[in-house]
Amino acid sequence: MIIYDIEKAYKLKSERKIDIYEIIEIIIQRKYIKIMKNPKREGQQIFLLLYKGYIHVVPFIFDDAENIVIKTVFPSRSFHKIYGEEIK
């Protein structure tokens, strides 16, 4: 199961035009580019995925019941430079 903060979802939609439900669908369908350890936060992992033509980072953790808990979603210029050209 994938869990997220509903208030954070509204904020992402209004401020960044990111639809958390579309992000979740990409993850469920396993259409992400990569899963890796978060280089900035111990104990977190990140999904790298293509969303609206740009590489986005989705930091997450596993809770005690092994649910994926999404922390946020944001576009990444640095990861886009690495993986964006591969997608075209």
PDB file of N, CA and C in Angstrom:
ATOM      1  N   MET A   1       0.839  -1.173   0.000  1.00  0.00           N
ATOM      2  CA  MET A   1       0.000   0.000   0.000  1.00  0.00           C
ATOM      3  C   MET A   1       0.890   1.244   0.000  1.00  0.00           C
ATOM      4  N   ILE A   2       0.414   2.284  -0.664  1.00  0.00           N
ATOM      5  CA  ILE A   2       1.135   3.548  -0.716  1.00  0.00           C
ATOM      6  C   ILE A   2       0.358   4.582   0.092  1.00  0.00           C
ATOM      7  N   ILE A   3       1.053   5.225   1.012  1.00  0.00           N
ATOM      8  CA  ILE A   3       0.446   6.193   1.922  1.00  0.00           C
ATOM      9  C   ILE A   3       1.064   7.572   1.670  1.00  0.00           C
ATOM     10  N   TYR A   4       0.246   8.609   1.823  1.00  0.00           N
ATOM     11  CA  TYR A   4       0.717   9.975   1.656  1.00  0.00           C
ATOM     12  C   TYR A   4      -0.114  10.888   2.548  1.00  0.00           C
ATOM     13  N   ASP A   5       0.386  12.069   2.791  1.00  0.00           N
ATOM     14  CA  ASP A   5      -0.311  13.074   3.588  1.00  0.00           C
ATOM     15  C   ASP A   5      -1.241  13.848   2.658  1.00  0.00           C
ATOM     16  N   ILE A   6      -2.535  13.816   2.922  1.00  0.00           N
ATOM     17  CA  ILE A   6      -3.519  14.454   2.047  1.00  0.00           C
ATOM     18  C   ILE A   6      -3.291  15.966   1.951  1.00  0.00           C
ATOM     19  N   GLU A   7      -2.900  16.599   3.044  1.00  0.00           N
ATOM     20  CA  GLU A   7      -2.616  18.040   3.000  1.00  0.00           C
ATOM     21  C   GLU A   7      -1.409  18.335   2.111  1.00  0.00           C
ATOM     22  N   LYS A   8      -0.411  17.468   2.195  1.00  0.00           N
ATOM     23  CA  LYS A   8       0.769  17.611   1.343  1.00  0.00           C
ATOM     24  C   LYS A   8       0.377  17.426  -0.124  1.00  0.00           C
ATOM     25  N   ALA A   9      -0.546  16.500  -0.391  1.00  0.00           N
ATOM     26  CA  ALA A   9      -1.016  16.266  -1.756  1.00  0.00           C
ATOM     27  C   ALA A   9      -1.688  17.517  -2.325  1.00  0.00           C
ATOM     28  N   TYR A  10      -2.507  18.172  -1.522  1.00  0.00           N
ATOM     29  CA  TYR A  10      -3.152  19.416  -1.963  1.00  0.00           C
ATOM     30  C   TYR A  10      -2.114  20.501  -2.231  1.00  0.00           C
ATOM     31  N   LYS A  11      -1.124  20.584  -1.360  1.00  0.00           N
ATOM     32  CA  LYS A  11      -0.068  21.585  -1.508  1.00  0.00           C
ATOM     33  C   LYS A  11       0.742  21.328  -2.791  1.00  0.00           C
ATOM     34  N   LEU A  12       1.070  20.071  -3.057  1.00  0.00           N
ATOM     35  CA  LEU A  12       1.801  19.733  -4.274  1.00  0.00           C
ATOM     36  C   LEU A  12       0.997  20.111  -5.513  1.00  0.00           C
ATOM     37  N   LYS A  13      -0.295  19.852  -5.461  1.00  0.00           N
ATOM     38  CA  LYS A  13      -1.165  20.158  -6.594  1.00  0.00           C
ATOM     39  C   LYS A  13      -1.256  21.664  -6.824  1.00  0.00           C
ATOM     40  N   SER A  14      -1.436  22.435  -5.759  1.00  0.00           N
ATOM     41  CA  SER A  14      -1.617  23.877  -5.920  1.00  0.00           C
ATOM     42  C   SER A  14      -0.307  24.617  -6.195  1.00  0.00           C
ATOM     43  N   GLU A  15       0.787  24.211  -5.556  1.00  0.00           N
ATOM     44  CA  GLU A  15       2.042  24.952  -5.688  1.00  0.00           C
ATOM     45  C   GLU A  15       2.928  24.464  -6.828  1.00  0.00           C
ATOM     46  N   ARG A  16       2.945  23.152  -7.067  1.00  0.00           N
ATOM     47  CA  ARG A  16       3.858  22.590  -8.067  1.00  0.00           C
ATOM     48  C   ARG A  16       3.144  21.940  -9.245  1.00  0.00           C
ATOM     49  N   LYS A  17       1.817  21.917  -9.207  1.00  0.00           N
ATOM     50  CA  LYS A  17       1.014  21.282 -10.261  1.00  0.00           C
ATOM     51  C   LYS A  17       1.352  19.798 -10.411  1.00  0.00           C
ATOM     52  N   ILE A  18       1.652  19.161  -9.288  1.00  0.00           N
ATOM     53  CA  ILE A  18       1.970  17.730  -9.253  1.00  0.00           C
ATOM     54  C   ILE A  18       0.785  16.990  -8.657  1.00  0.00           C
ATOM     55  N   ASP A  19       0.264  16.032  -9.409  1.00  0.00           N
ATOM     56  CA  ASP A  19      -0.874  15.235  -8.958  1.00  0.00           C
ATOM     57  C   ASP A  19      -0.353  13.948  -8.316  1.00  0.00           C
ATOM     58  N   ILE A  20      -0.522  13.829  -7.017  1.00  0.00           N
ATOM     59  CA  ILE A  20       0.001  12.674  -6.278  1.00  0.00           C
ATOM     60  C   ILE A  20      -0.595  11.369  -6.796  1.00  0.00           C
ATOM     61  N   TYR A  21      -1.834  11.412  -7.280  1.00  0.00           N
ATOM     62  CA  TYR A  21      -2.466  10.198  -7.786  1.00  0.00           C
ATOM     63  C   TYR A  21      -1.799   9.717  -9.072  1.00  0.00           C
ATOM     64  N   GLU A  22      -1.347  10.633  -9.903  1.00  0.00           N
ATOM     65  CA  GLU A  22      -0.602  10.256 -11.100  1.00  0.00           C
ATOM     66  C   GLU A  22       0.763   9.676 -10.722  1.00  0.00           C
ATOM     67  N   ILE A  23       1.387  10.248  -9.721  1.00  0.00           N
ATOM     68  CA  ILE A  23       2.677   9.741  -9.232  1.00  0.00           C
ATOM     69  C   ILE A  23       2.507   8.319  -8.698  1.00  0.00           C
ATOM     70  N   ILE A  24       1.472   8.112  -7.901  1.00  0.00           N
ATOM     71  CA  ILE A  24       1.215   6.780  -7.339  1.00  0.00           C
ATOM     72  C   ILE A  24       0.967   5.777  -8.451  1.00  0.00           C
ATOM     73  N   GLU A  25       0.243   6.164  -9.467  1.00  0.00           N
ATOM     74  CA  GLU A  25      -0.035   5.260 -10.589  1.00  0.00           C
ATOM     75  C   GLU A  25       1.256   4.850 -11.298  1.00  0.00           C
ATOM     76  N   ILE A  26       2.165   5.793 -11.481  1.00  0.00           N
ATOM     77  CA  ILE A  26       3.465   5.482 -12.093  1.00  0.00           C
ATOM     78  C   ILE A  26       4.212   4.460 -11.237  1.00  0.00           C
ATOM     79  N   ILE A  27       4.180   4.641  -9.925  1.00  0.00           N
ATOM     80  CA  ILE A  27       4.865   3.714  -9.014  1.00  0.00           C
ATOM     81  C   ILE A  27       4.206   2.337  -9.047  1.00  0.00           C
ATOM     82  N   ILE A  28       2.881   2.296  -8.975  1.00  0.00           N
ATOM     83  CA  ILE A  28       2.161   1.012  -8.990  1.00  0.00           C
ATOM     84  C   ILE A  28       2.448   0.241 -10.277  1.00  0.00           C
ATOM     85  N   GLN A  29       2.499   0.956 -11.396  1.00  0.00           N
ATOM     86  CA  GLN A  29       2.757   0.306 -12.681  1.00  0.00           C
ATOM     87  C   GLN A  29       4.240   0.004 -12.903  1.00  0.00           C
ATOM     88  N   ARG A  30       5.056   0.353 -11.924  1.00  0.00           N
ATOM     89  CA  ARG A  30       6.506   0.128 -11.980  1.00  0.00           C
ATOM     90  C   ARG A  30       7.153   0.796 -13.194  1.00  0.00           C
ATOM     91  N   LYS A  31       6.668   1.999 -13.503  1.00  0.00           N
ATOM     92  CA  LYS A  31       7.212   2.754 -14.620  1.00  0.00           C
ATOM     93  C   LYS A  31       8.246   3.778 -14.168  1.00  0.00           C
ATOM     94  N   TYR A  32       8.735   3.635 -12.941  1.00  0.00           N
ATOM     95  CA  TYR A  32       9.785   4.521 -12.447  1.00  0.00           C
ATOM     96  C   TYR A  32      11.113   4.125 -13.086  1.00  0.00           C
ATOM     97  N   ILE A  33      12.037   5.048 -13.069  1.00  0.00           N
ATOM     98  CA  ILE A  33      13.345   4.821 -13.679  1.00  0.00           C
ATOM     99  C   ILE A  33      14.250   4.019 -12.760  1.00  0.00           C
ATOM    100  N   LYS A  34      14.208   4.371 -11.490  1.00  0.00           N
ATOM    101  CA  LYS A  34      15.157   3.775 -10.545  1.00  0.00           C
ATOM    102  C   LYS A  34      14.675   3.986  -9.123  1.00  0.00           C
ATOM    103  N   ILE A  35      15.076   3.081  -8.234  1.00  0.00           N
ATOM    104  CA  ILE A  35      14.929   3.265  -6.788  1.00  0.00           C
ATOM    105  C   ILE A  35      16.344   3.287  -6.227  1.00  0.00           C
ATOM    106  N   MET A  36      16.609   4.258  -5.367  1.00  0.00           N
ATOM    107  CA  MET A  36      17.946   4.341  -4.776  1.00  0.00           C
ATOM    108  C   MET A  36      17.869   4.936  -3.378  1.00  0.00           C
ATOM    109  N   LYS A  37      18.955   4.798  -2.628  1.00  0.00           N
ATOM    110  CA  LYS A  37      19.020   5.425  -1.313  1.00  0.00           C
ATOM    111  C   LYS A  37      19.018   6.932  -1.490  1.00  0.00           C
ATOM    112  N   ASN A  38      18.331   7.610  -0.582  1.00  0.00           N
ATOM    113  CA  ASN A  38      18.320   9.064  -0.620  1.00  0.00           C
ATOM    114  C   ASN A  38      19.702   9.559  -0.189  1.00  0.00           C
ATOM    115  N   PRO A  39      20.392  10.285  -1.058  1.00  0.00           N
ATOM    116  CA  PRO A  39      21.749  10.735  -0.703  1.00  0.00           C
ATOM    117  C   PRO A  39      21.773  11.812   0.380  1.00  0.00           C
ATOM    118  N   LYS A  40      20.616  12.396   0.688  1.00  0.00           N
ATOM    119  CA  LYS A  40      20.579  13.492   1.661  1.00  0.00           C
ATOM    120  C   LYS A  40      19.935  13.116   2.991  1.00  0.00           C
ATOM    121  N   ARG A  41      19.185  12.013   3.017  1.00  0.00           N
ATOM    122  CA  ARG A  41      18.474  11.641   4.251  1.00  0.00           C
ATOM    123  C   ARG A  41      18.674  10.163   4.552  1.00  0.00           C
ATOM    124  N   GLU A  42      19.286   9.912   5.680  1.00  0.00           N
ATOM    125  CA  GLU A  42      19.510   8.550   6.158  1.00  0.00           C
ATOM    126  C   GLU A  42      18.169   7.847   6.369  1.00  0.00           C
ATOM    127  N   GLY A  43      18.065   6.620   5.923  1.00  0.00           N
ATOM    128  CA  GLY A  43      16.867   5.822   6.154  1.00  0.00           C
ATOM    129  C   GLY A  43      15.768   6.026   5.127  1.00  0.00           C
ATOM    130  N   GLN A  44      15.971   6.937   4.184  1.00  0.00           N
ATOM    131  CA  GLN A  44      14.996   7.156   3.125  1.00  0.00           C
ATOM    132  C   GLN A  44      15.518   6.607   1.809  1.00  0.00           C
ATOM    133  N   GLN A  45      14.580   6.258   0.960  1.00  0.00           N
ATOM    134  CA  GLN A  45      14.897   5.898  -0.410  1.00  0.00           C
ATOM    135  C   GLN A  45      14.162   6.875  -1.316  1.00  0.00           C
ATOM    136  N   ILE A  46      14.505   6.856  -2.600  1.00  0.00           N
ATOM    137  CA  ILE A  46      13.805   7.709  -3.547  1.00  0.00           C
ATOM    138  C   ILE A  46      13.452   6.922  -4.806  1.00  0.00           C
ATOM    139  N   PHE A  47      12.290   7.233  -5.345  1.00  0.00           N
ATOM    140  CA  PHE A  47      11.942   6.812  -6.686  1.00  0.00           C
ATOM    141  C   PHE A  47      12.377   7.942  -7.602  1.00  0.00           C
ATOM    142  N   LEU A  48      12.981   7.610  -8.725  1.00  0.00           N
ATOM    143  CA  LEU A  48      13.209   8.566  -9.792  1.00  0.00           C
ATOM    144  C   LEU A  48      12.234   8.195 -10.889  1.00  0.00           C
ATOM    145  N   LEU A  49      11.441   9.163 -11.346  1.00  0.00           N
ATOM    146  CA  LEU A  49      10.457   8.848 -12.377  1.00  0.00           C
ATOM    147  C   LEU A  49      10.248  10.021 -13.309  1.00  0.00           C
ATOM    148  N   LEU A  50       9.756   9.702 -14.492  1.00  0.00           N
ATOM    149  CA  LEU A  50       9.450  10.720 -15.476  1.00  0.00           C
ATOM    150  C   LEU A  50       8.011  11.151 -15.280  1.00  0.00           C
ATOM    151  N   TYR A  51       7.812  12.446 -15.077  1.00  0.00           N
ATOM    152  CA  TYR A  51       6.475  13.000 -14.869  1.00  0.00           C
ATOM    153  C   TYR A  51       6.381  14.303 -15.646  1.00  0.00           C
ATOM    154  N   LYS A  52       5.454  14.365 -16.557  1.00  0.00           N
ATOM    155  CA  LYS A  52       5.256  15.547 -17.406  1.00  0.00           C
ATOM    156  C   LYS A  52       6.546  15.948 -18.117  1.00  0.00           C
ATOM    157  N   GLY A  53       7.267  14.942 -18.607  1.00  0.00           N
ATOM    158  CA  GLY A  53       8.462  15.193 -19.408  1.00  0.00           C
ATOM    159  C   GLY A  53       9.712  15.572 -18.647  1.00  0.00           C
ATOM    160  N   TYR A  54       9.681  15.453 -17.309  1.00  0.00           N
ATOM    161  CA  TYR A  54      10.832  15.864 -16.502  1.00  0.00           C
ATOM    162  C   TYR A  54      11.054  14.843 -15.388  1.00  0.00           C
ATOM    163  N   ILE A  55      12.301  14.635 -15.017  1.00  0.00           N
ATOM    164  CA  ILE A  55      12.619  13.694 -13.947  1.00  0.00           C
ATOM    165  C   ILE A  55      12.219  14.292 -12.597  1.00  0.00           C
ATOM    166  N   HIS A  56      11.454  13.526 -11.843  1.00  0.00           N
ATOM    167  CA  HIS A  56      11.025  13.932 -10.499  1.00  0.00           C
ATOM    168  C   HIS A  56      11.564  12.943  -9.471  1.00  0.00           C
ATOM    169  N   VAL A  57      11.787  13.442  -8.282  1.00  0.00           N
ATOM    170  CA  VAL A  57      12.253  12.645  -7.149  1.00  0.00           C
ATOM    171  C   VAL A  57      11.085  12.474  -6.182  1.00  0.00           C
ATOM    172  N   VAL A  58      10.909  11.236  -5.730  1.00  0.00           N
ATOM    173  CA  VAL A  58       9.845  10.924  -4.778  1.00  0.00           C
ATOM    174  C   VAL A  58      10.482  10.237  -3.564  1.00  0.00           C
ATOM    175  N   PRO A  59      10.849  11.001  -2.530  1.00  0.00           N
ATOM    176  CA  PRO A  59      11.409  10.399  -1.319  1.00  0.00           C
ATOM    177  C   PRO A  59      10.335   9.600  -0.579  1.00  0.00           C
ATOM    178  N   PHE A  60      10.743   8.453  -0.031  1.00  0.00           N
ATOM    179  CA  PHE A  60       9.793   7.615   0.701  1.00  0.00           C
ATOM    180  C   PHE A  60      10.510   6.783   1.748  1.00  0.00           C
ATOM    181  N   ILE A  61       9.710   6.274   2.679  1.00  0.00           N
ATOM    182  CA  ILE A  61      10.181   5.315   3.665  1.00  0.00           C
ATOM    183  C   ILE A  61       9.199   4.156   3.686  1.00  0.00           C
ATOM    184  N   PHE A  62       9.593   3.075   4.331  1.00  0.00           N
ATOM    185  CA  PHE A  62       8.681   1.976   4.628  1.00  0.00           C
ATOM    186  C   PHE A  62       8.275   2.107   6.087  1.00  0.00           C
ATOM    187  N   ASP A  63       6.978   2.016   6.374  1.00  0.00           N
ATOM    188  CA  ASP A  63       6.546   2.039   7.774  1.00  0.00           C
ATOM    189  C   ASP A  63       6.620   0.630   8.361  1.00  0.00           C
ATOM    190  N   ASP A  64       6.169   0.467   9.594  1.00  0.00           N
ATOM    191  CA  ASP A  64       6.258  -0.831  10.273  1.00  0.00           C
ATOM    192  C   ASP A  64       5.480  -1.933   9.571  1.00  0.00           C
ATOM    193  N   ALA A  65       4.436  -1.559   8.841  1.00  0.00           N
ATOM    194  CA  ALA A  65       3.621  -2.546   8.114  1.00  0.00           C
ATOM    195  C   ALA A  65       4.102  -2.724   6.677  1.00  0.00           C
ATOM    196  N   GLU A  66       5.291  -2.182   6.364  1.00  0.00           N
ATOM    197  CA  GLU A  66       5.894  -2.273   5.027  1.00  0.00           C
ATOM    198  C   GLU A  66       5.120  -1.505   3.957  1.00  0.00           C
ATOM    199  N   ASN A  67       4.338  -0.496   4.368  1.00  0.00           N
ATOM    200  CA  ASN A  67       3.693   0.401   3.421  1.00  0.00           C
ATOM    201  C   ASN A  67       4.717   1.408   2.932  1.00  0.00           C
ATOM    202  N   ILE A  68       4.571   1.860   1.702  1.00  0.00           N
ATOM    203  CA  ILE A  68       5.402   2.937   1.178  1.00  0.00           C
ATOM    204  C   ILE A  68       4.772   4.249   1.637  1.00  0.00           C
ATOM    205  N   VAL A  69       5.547   5.070   2.310  1.00  0.00           N
ATOM    206  CA  VAL A  69       5.063   6.365   2.792  1.00  0.00           C
ATOM    207  C   VAL A  69       5.798   7.446   2.000  1.00  0.00           C
ATOM    208  N   ILE A  70       5.058   8.103   1.101  1.00  0.00           N
ATOM    209  CA  ILE A  70       5.638   9.154   0.270  1.00  0.00           C
ATOM    210  C   ILE A  70       5.776  10.424   1.102  1.00  0.00           C
ATOM    211  N   LYS A  71       6.955  11.029   1.045  1.00  0.00           N
ATOM    212  CA  LYS A  71       7.225  12.245   1.803  1.00  0.00           C
ATOM    213  C   LYS A  71       6.898  13.505   1.005  1.00  0.00           C
ATOM    214  N   THR A  72       7.305  13.547  -0.257  1.00  0.00           N
ATOM    215  CA  THR A  72       7.045  14.686  -1.131  1.00  0.00           C
ATOM    216  C   THR A  72       7.364  14.267  -2.559  1.00  0.00           C
ATOM    217  N   VAL A  73       7.228  15.197  -3.486  1.00  0.00           N
ATOM    218  CA  VAL A  73       7.600  14.989  -4.890  1.00  0.00           C
ATOM    219  C   VAL A  73       8.150  16.316  -5.396  1.00  0.00           C
ATOM    220  N   PHE A  74       9.270  16.248  -6.114  1.00  0.00           N
ATOM    221  CA  PHE A  74       9.809  17.485  -6.676  1.00  0.00           C
ATOM    222  C   PHE A  74      10.616  17.196  -7.938  1.00  0.00           C
ATOM    223  N   PRO A  75      10.626  18.161  -8.873  1.00  0.00           N
ATOM    224  CA  PRO A  75      11.456  18.003 -10.067  1.00  0.00           C
ATOM    225  C   PRO A  75      12.922  18.171  -9.698  1.00  0.00           C
ATOM    226  N   SER A  76      13.786  17.453 -10.414  1.00  0.00           N
ATOM    227  CA  SER A  76      15.210  17.506 -10.091  1.00  0.00           C
ATOM    228  C   SER A  76      16.038  17.816 -11.330  1.00  0.00           C
ATOM    229  N   ARG A  77      16.630  18.982 -11.337  1.00  0.00           N
ATOM    230  CA  ARG A  77      17.494  19.371 -12.453  1.00  0.00           C
ATOM    231  C   ARG A  77      18.702  18.437 -12.551  1.00  0.00           C
ATOM    232  N   SER A  78      19.305  18.107 -11.413  1.00  0.00           N
ATOM    233  CA  SER A  78      20.513  17.268 -11.453  1.00  0.00           C
ATOM    234  C   SER A  78      20.207  15.852 -11.950  1.00  0.00           C
ATOM    235  N   PHE A  79      19.125  15.244 -11.485  1.00  0.00           N
ATOM    236  CA  PHE A  79      18.784  13.908 -11.975  1.00  0.00           C
ATOM    237  C   PHE A  79      18.270  13.966 -13.413  1.00  0.00           C
ATOM    238  N   HIS A  80      17.652  15.083 -13.801  1.00  0.00           N
ATOM    239  CA  HIS A  80      17.196  15.209 -15.183  1.00  0.00           C
ATOM    240  C   HIS A  80      18.389  15.245 -16.137  1.00  0.00           C
ATOM    241  N   LYS A  81      19.460  15.910 -15.703  1.00  0.00           N
ATOM    242  CA  LYS A  81      20.674  15.944 -16.532  1.00  0.00           C
ATOM    243  C   LYS A  81      21.228  14.540 -16.736  1.00  0.00           C
ATOM    244  N   ILE A  82      21.125  13.705 -15.716  1.00  0.00           N
ATOM    245  CA  ILE A  82      21.661  12.338 -15.795  1.00  0.00           C
ATOM    246  C   ILE A  82      20.728  11.416 -16.560  1.00  0.00           C
ATOM    247  N   TYR A  83      19.434  11.425 -16.225  1.00  0.00           N
ATOM    248  CA  TYR A  83      18.496  10.437 -16.760  1.00  0.00           C
ATOM    249  C   TYR A  83      17.556  10.973 -17.824  1.00  0.00           C
ATOM    250  N   GLY A  84      17.407  12.277 -17.913  1.00  0.00           N
ATOM    251  CA  GLY A  84      16.466  12.858 -18.859  1.00  0.00           C
ATOM    252  C   GLY A  84      16.805  12.587 -20.304  1.00  0.00           C
ATOM    253  N   GLU A  85      18.078  12.633 -20.624  1.00  0.00           N
ATOM    254  CA  GLU A  85      18.514  12.376 -22.007  1.00  0.00           C
ATOM    255  C   GLU A  85      18.307  10.915 -22.399  1.00  0.00           C
ATOM    256  N   GLU A  86      18.384  10.013 -21.436  1.00  0.00           N
ATOM    257  CA  GLU A  86      18.193   8.593 -21.728  1.00  0.00           C
ATOM    258  C   GLU A  86      16.758   8.300 -22.145  1.00  0.00           C
ATOM    259  N   ILE A  87      15.826   9.098 -21.653  1.00  0.00           N
ATOM    260  CA  ILE A  87      14.409   8.853 -21.877  1.00  0.00           C
ATOM    261  C   ILE A  87      13.989   9.253 -23.293  1.00  0.00           C
ATOM    262  N   LYS A  88      14.622  10.276 -23.837  1.00  0.00           N
ATOM    263  CA  LYS A  88      14.192  10.814 -25.143  1.00  0.00           C
ATOM    264  C   LYS A  88      14.334   9.821 -26.259  1.00  0.00           C
TER     265      LYS A  88
END
